[in-house]
Amino acid sequence: MTGMPVGAQSRTIAVAGPLLIAATLLLPARANAHGNEVTLAIKCAAEATISCNHLTDSVGPWIPVATGGCGPVSLSFLDRREPDNTMEGQYTITRSWIVADTCGTKQTCTQILHVVPARPRIAVLAFENLAGSEEGARVFARLVESELAQSGRTELVPAGDVESAVLRARIRVPMLMDEDQRARLAVSLTADYFILGSILAYETFEDPYAGPVPVAGIAMQVRDAKTGITVWSDTFHAIGNSGEWLFGLGVEHDITRLAHAVSRHAVQKIAPFLKNLPCDHHDQ
C-alpha cells in the first residue's frame, strides 16, 4: 500500500564543502497501514530546472516519492555541484536522495537538477495620486503589475498580500514611508524590490479637431526593499499617443489604452535594473 503524506514539515541544512551540499528534509511522514509488510522504495522525479531559492524546499515536483516502509520516513540528499555554461549564474547538481524508515531500512535514487538564478521578487505598492483621479492610481498600478507579470523576469507579490501588509505597517503613502515601515514591509512580503509611483496626470480634454484626447503621466521608482536605496527612477508622460493628435492622425482616444502604453514603456525601462539575485539575498 502506498503511503500517504501526514504530519508537519521542517528541514535542517549542513554544508559539507564547496562542491558537496548535504541536507535533510523531514517531510510529511508517510504512514503505512500494514506496518512493515511493504518494502520501502523511492522513485526520483525526472530531470528538472528549478530556481536556486527552491533548492531546499520540502514540497515541489522535483521531490521524490517514497512508498512502503516501517512507520514515518525521512528524506535526505547529497548534492554534487558542477558548472553549467548554458547561462550566467546557472549550474547543474547531481542529487543523491536517501529515504530511511524507523526500522533502519534505506533506499536511494539519483536526480539531475539544473539550477537557475532566483527571479527578483517585486511588490508594486499603491501609487500616490497627484492628479486628482482615484481611478488613475488604481489603473496604473494594475497595468504595471500586468506588464511585469508578462515579462516573466520577476516574481510578483500578490496584490492582496501587498495591500494587507501596507495596512498592517500603517503606511498611508508608500512614497513617504519611513525606514522602520520599509524594513517591516520588506520582511513581511519577503520582497527584493518595491515599485512605487506618483500619478502626475490622468485626464481627457476635448480638441476641436481630434475630439477627446487623453493625457497620462507617472513618476516611478524602484527601491531595494532591504536597503531602501532607490536604484532607478524616471518620469513618463504621453498625450493622445505621442503627440500625433495635433494633426488628427493616429489619435488615441481611450485614456486606459494610453495609460497601458505608458506602463509598458516604463516596465521596459525598469527591466535592466531588475537583475537576477543571489540566493542568499535575504540572508546577507
Protein backbone atom coordinates (compact mmCIF):
# COMPACT_ATOMS: atom_id res chain seq x y z
CA MET A 1 0.00 0.00 0.00
CA THR A 2 1.33 3.41 -0.96
CA GLY A 3 1.95 5.72 1.99
CA MET A 4 0.05 8.99 2.31
CA PRO A 5 1.58 12.31 3.46
CA VAL A 6 0.78 13.31 7.06
CA GLY A 7 2.42 15.47 9.70
CA ALA A 8 4.41 18.71 9.74
CA GLN A 9 7.33 19.85 7.60
CA SER A 10 10.77 21.06 8.65
CA ARG A 11 14.33 20.94 7.39
CA THR A 12 17.93 21.18 8.54
CA ILE A 13 20.84 22.12 6.31
CA ALA A 14 24.57 21.30 6.63
CA VAL A 15 27.27 22.41 4.19
CA ALA A 16 29.94 19.79 3.51
CA GLY A 17 32.41 21.66 1.30
CA PRO A 18 32.41 23.82 -1.82
CA LEU A 19 31.11 21.15 -4.17
CA LEU A 20 29.14 18.93 -1.82
CA ILE A 21 25.99 20.10 -0.08
CA ALA A 22 24.10 17.83 2.30
CA ALA A 23 20.63 18.40 3.67
CA THR A 24 17.89 16.55 5.48
CA LEU A 25 14.24 17.26 4.80
CA LEU A 26 11.86 15.99 7.43
CA LEU A 27 9.00 15.69 5.01
CA PRO A 28 5.35 14.92 5.74
CA ALA A 29 5.56 11.42 7.24
CA ARG A 30 4.21 8.56 5.17
CA ALA A 31 2.24 6.16 7.35
CA ASN A 32 1.82 2.56 6.26
CA ALA A 33 -1.39 0.81 7.32
CA HIS A 34 0.34 -2.59 7.12
CA GLY A 35 3.31 -1.69 9.28
CA ASN A 36 6.45 -3.23 7.80
CA GLU A 37 4.74 -5.53 5.29
CA VAL A 38 5.52 -3.31 2.27
CA THR A 39 9.15 -2.87 1.18
CA LEU A 40 10.49 0.67 1.42
CA ALA A 41 11.02 2.20 -2.03
CA ILE A 42 11.92 5.56 -3.53
CA LYS A 43 11.39 6.95 -7.04
CA CYS A 44 13.21 10.10 -8.13
CA ALA A 45 11.45 12.75 -10.18
CA ALA A 46 12.59 13.45 -13.74
CA GLU A 47 15.45 15.80 -14.58
CA ALA A 48 14.26 19.33 -13.83
CA THR A 49 15.13 23.04 -13.88
CA ILE A 50 14.47 24.98 -10.66
CA SER A 51 15.26 28.36 -9.17
CA CYS A 52 18.11 28.36 -6.66
CA ASN A 53 15.86 29.70 -3.90
CA HIS A 54 13.81 26.47 -4.06
CA LEU A 55 16.71 24.05 -3.68
CA THR A 56 15.82 23.03 -0.13
CA ASP A 57 12.03 23.24 -0.40
CA SER A 58 10.27 20.22 1.04
CA VAL A 59 7.41 20.50 -1.46
CA GLY A 60 7.74 20.57 -5.24
CA PRO A 61 7.60 18.44 -8.40
CA TRP A 62 11.31 17.62 -8.00
CA ILE A 63 10.78 15.85 -4.64
CA PRO A 64 10.96 12.03 -4.98
CA VAL A 65 8.10 9.73 -3.99
CA ALA A 66 8.69 7.31 -1.11
CA THR A 67 6.40 4.32 -0.56
CA GLY A 68 6.12 1.48 1.94
CA GLY A 69 8.49 1.09 4.83
CA CYS A 70 8.12 0.96 8.56
CA GLY A 71 6.31 3.94 10.05
CA PRO A 72 7.16 7.56 9.12
CA VAL A 73 10.07 8.12 6.73
CA SER A 74 12.71 10.86 6.43
CA LEU A 75 14.26 12.08 3.22
CA SER A 76 17.81 13.42 2.86
CA PHE A 77 20.07 14.28 -0.03
CA LEU A 78 23.67 14.91 -1.04
CA ASP A 79 24.40 17.34 -3.88
CA ARG A 80 27.42 17.46 -6.15
CA ARG A 81 27.61 20.76 -7.99
CA GLU A 82 29.05 21.20 -11.49
CA PRO A 83 29.41 24.38 -13.61
CA ASP A 84 26.91 24.93 -16.42
CA ASN A 85 27.78 27.21 -19.32
CA THR A 86 24.20 27.46 -20.59
CA MET A 87 23.63 30.84 -18.96
CA GLU A 88 25.33 33.11 -16.45
CA GLY A 89 24.69 32.03 -12.87
CA GLN A 90 23.33 28.60 -13.84
CA TYR A 91 24.80 25.33 -12.65
CA THR A 92 23.90 21.64 -12.51
CA ILE A 93 23.74 19.39 -9.47
CA THR A 94 23.60 15.63 -9.22
CA ARG A 95 21.38 14.94 -6.24
CA SER A 96 21.50 11.61 -4.43
CA TRP A 97 18.30 11.09 -2.43
CA ILE A 98 18.17 8.74 0.56
CA VAL A 99 14.94 7.65 2.21
CA ALA A 100 15.01 5.93 5.61
CA ASP A 101 12.25 4.48 7.76
CA THR A 102 12.06 3.97 11.51
CA CYS A 103 13.22 0.35 11.23
CA GLY A 104 16.56 1.43 9.76
CA THR A 105 15.86 0.47 6.13
CA LYS A 106 17.29 2.85 3.49
CA GLN A 107 16.81 3.23 -0.28
CA THR A 108 18.42 5.69 -2.72
CA CYS A 109 17.92 7.24 -6.16
CA THR A 110 19.73 9.89 -8.22
CA GLN A 111 18.39 13.00 -9.93
CA ILE A 112 19.81 15.78 -12.16
CA LEU A 113 18.76 19.38 -11.37
CA HIS A 114 19.59 22.42 -13.49
CA VAL A 115 19.67 25.41 -11.15
CA VAL A 116 18.94 28.93 -12.40
CA PRO A 117 19.28 32.28 -10.57
CA ALA A 118 16.41 33.49 -8.44
CA ARG A 119 13.96 35.88 -10.08
CA PRO A 120 13.64 39.16 -8.14
CA ARG A 121 10.51 39.28 -6.00
CA ILE A 122 8.66 42.54 -6.67
CA ALA A 123 5.96 44.31 -4.67
CA VAL A 124 4.04 47.04 -6.52
CA LEU A 125 2.90 49.48 -3.86
CA ALA A 126 -0.11 51.79 -4.16
CA PHE A 127 0.69 54.84 -6.28
CA GLU A 128 0.47 58.31 -4.82
CA ASN A 129 -2.30 60.27 -6.50
CA LEU A 130 -1.30 63.80 -7.52
CA ALA A 131 -3.70 64.03 -10.44
CA GLY A 132 -7.00 64.18 -8.59
CA SER A 133 -8.15 60.91 -10.13
CA GLU A 134 -8.62 57.92 -7.85
CA GLU A 135 -9.21 55.75 -10.89
CA GLY A 136 -5.83 56.73 -12.35
CA ALA A 137 -3.85 55.42 -9.37
CA ARG A 138 -5.72 52.11 -9.43
CA VAL A 139 -5.44 51.70 -13.23
CA PHE A 140 -1.70 52.44 -13.34
CA ALA A 141 -0.89 50.01 -10.51
CA ARG A 142 -2.88 47.24 -12.19
CA LEU A 143 -1.26 47.88 -15.59
CA VAL A 144 2.28 47.95 -14.19
CA GLU A 145 1.64 44.64 -12.39
CA SER A 146 0.27 43.13 -15.59
CA GLU A 147 3.30 44.21 -17.63
CA LEU A 148 5.72 42.86 -15.02
CA ALA A 149 3.88 39.53 -14.94
CA GLN A 150 4.03 39.22 -18.74
CA SER A 151 7.75 39.94 -18.79
CA GLY A 152 8.44 36.64 -16.98
CA ARG A 153 11.54 38.16 -15.38
CA THR A 154 10.12 38.69 -11.92
CA GLU A 155 8.11 37.04 -9.18
CA LEU A 156 5.25 39.33 -8.24
CA VAL A 157 3.95 39.57 -4.68
CA PRO A 158 0.14 39.14 -4.93
CA ALA A 159 -1.67 42.48 -4.79
CA GLY A 160 -3.84 41.31 -1.88
CA ASP A 161 -0.77 40.43 0.19
CA VAL A 162 0.75 43.84 -0.55
CA GLU A 163 -2.41 45.68 0.48
CA SER A 164 -2.71 43.74 3.75
CA ALA A 165 0.96 44.27 4.65
CA VAL A 166 0.75 48.00 3.92
CA LEU A 167 -2.28 48.30 6.19
CA ARG A 168 -0.56 46.36 8.99
CA ALA A 169 2.50 48.59 8.72
CA ARG A 170 0.23 51.67 8.89
CA ILE A 171 1.66 53.11 5.68
CA ARG A 172 -0.61 55.79 4.27
CA VAL A 173 1.60 56.94 1.38
CA PRO A 174 4.24 54.36 0.33
CA MET A 175 6.36 57.03 -1.38
CA LEU A 176 6.75 58.69 2.05
CA MET A 177 7.19 55.62 4.28
CA ASP A 178 9.95 55.80 6.88
CA GLU A 179 12.83 53.35 7.33
CA ASP A 180 11.09 51.33 10.03
CA GLN A 181 7.98 50.90 7.88
CA ARG A 182 10.12 49.97 4.87
CA ALA A 183 12.05 47.34 6.85
CA ARG A 184 8.89 45.76 8.27
CA LEU A 185 7.24 45.71 4.85
CA ALA A 186 10.29 44.06 3.26
CA VAL A 187 10.27 41.27 5.86
CA SER A 188 6.51 40.79 5.70
CA LEU A 189 6.46 40.47 1.91
CA THR A 190 9.92 38.87 1.50
CA ALA A 191 10.37 41.35 -1.34
CA ASP A 192 13.59 42.18 -3.15
CA TYR A 193 12.33 45.41 -4.67
CA PHE A 194 9.46 47.86 -4.23
CA ILE A 195 7.96 49.68 -7.21
CA LEU A 196 6.44 52.99 -6.22
CA GLY A 197 4.94 55.82 -8.21
CA SER A 198 3.05 59.08 -8.31
CA ILE A 199 0.27 59.74 -10.80
CA LEU A 200 1.03 63.13 -12.37
CA ALA A 201 -1.77 63.27 -14.95
CA TYR A 202 -4.80 61.19 -15.80
CA GLU A 203 -7.47 63.14 -17.66
CA THR A 204 -9.11 63.70 -21.03
CA PHE A 205 -9.73 67.03 -22.76
CA GLU A 206 -11.64 67.91 -25.92
CA ASP A 207 -9.78 69.06 -29.02
CA PRO A 208 -11.92 70.79 -31.69
CA TYR A 209 -10.26 68.76 -34.46
CA ALA A 210 -9.21 65.48 -32.88
CA GLY A 211 -12.02 65.03 -30.37
CA PRO A 212 -11.28 63.54 -26.91
CA VAL A 213 -7.54 63.50 -26.20
CA PRO A 214 -6.27 61.71 -23.07
CA VAL A 215 -3.25 62.77 -21.03
CA ALA A 216 -1.39 60.34 -18.78
CA GLY A 217 1.76 60.85 -16.75
CA ILE A 218 3.53 58.97 -13.99
CA ALA A 219 6.73 59.24 -11.95
CA MET A 220 8.09 55.82 -10.98
CA GLN A 221 10.97 54.47 -8.95
CA VAL A 222 12.42 51.11 -7.94
CA ARG A 223 13.76 50.77 -4.40
CA ASP A 224 15.82 47.97 -2.96
CA ALA A 225 13.46 46.57 -0.31
CA LYS A 226 16.32 45.61 2.01
CA THR A 227 18.31 48.85 1.97
CA GLY A 228 15.72 51.40 0.89
CA ILE A 229 18.09 52.70 -1.80
CA THR A 230 16.44 53.93 -5.00
CA VAL A 231 18.09 52.01 -7.84
CA TRP A 232 16.06 53.52 -10.69
CA SER A 233 13.64 56.39 -11.27
CA ASP A 234 12.09 58.10 -14.26
CA THR A 235 9.06 60.07 -15.41
CA PHE A 236 6.77 59.11 -18.29
CA HIS A 237 4.21 61.34 -19.97
CA ALA A 238 2.02 60.89 -23.04
CA ILE A 239 -0.66 62.97 -24.77
CA GLY A 240 -3.02 61.24 -27.17
CA ASN A 241 -0.31 58.73 -28.05
CA SER A 242 2.94 60.60 -28.75
CA GLY A 243 1.51 63.96 -29.87
CA GLU A 244 0.10 62.80 -33.22
CA TRP A 245 -3.26 64.26 -32.17
CA LEU A 246 -2.03 67.68 -33.42
CA PHE A 247 -2.98 66.65 -36.95
CA GLY A 248 -5.84 64.37 -36.05
CA LEU A 249 -3.87 61.28 -37.17
CA GLY A 250 -3.34 58.17 -35.10
CA VAL A 251 -5.11 59.68 -32.10
CA GLU A 252 -5.52 57.52 -29.00
CA HIS A 253 -8.90 58.49 -27.58
CA ASP A 254 -9.03 55.96 -24.74
CA ILE A 255 -7.19 57.01 -21.59
CA THR A 256 -6.84 53.44 -20.30
CA ARG A 257 -5.10 52.33 -23.51
CA LEU A 258 -2.83 55.38 -23.30
CA ALA A 259 -2.00 54.52 -19.67
CA HIS A 260 -1.26 50.96 -20.82
CA ALA A 261 1.25 52.26 -23.37
CA VAL A 262 2.91 54.41 -20.70
CA SER A 263 3.07 51.46 -18.28
CA ARG A 264 4.55 49.16 -20.93
CA HIS A 265 7.25 51.70 -21.73
CA ALA A 266 8.05 52.16 -18.02
CA VAL A 267 8.41 48.41 -17.39
CA GLN A 268 10.68 48.08 -20.43
CA LYS A 269 12.91 50.75 -18.91
CA ILE A 270 12.87 49.07 -15.49
CA ALA A 271 13.85 45.61 -16.77
CA PRO A 272 17.66 46.17 -16.93
CA PHE A 273 17.66 47.18 -13.25
CA LEU A 274 15.80 44.09 -12.07
CA LYS A 275 18.80 41.80 -12.28
CA ASN A 276 18.80 38.21 -11.09
CA LEU A 277 19.71 37.98 -7.45
CA PRO A 278 21.94 35.62 -5.49
CA CYS A 279 20.08 33.02 -3.46
CA ASP A 280 21.31 34.50 -0.16
CA HIS A 281 19.91 37.98 -0.94
CA HIS A 282 17.67 37.98 2.15
CA ASP A 283 20.30 36.44 4.40
CA GLN A 284 23.13 38.86 3.79
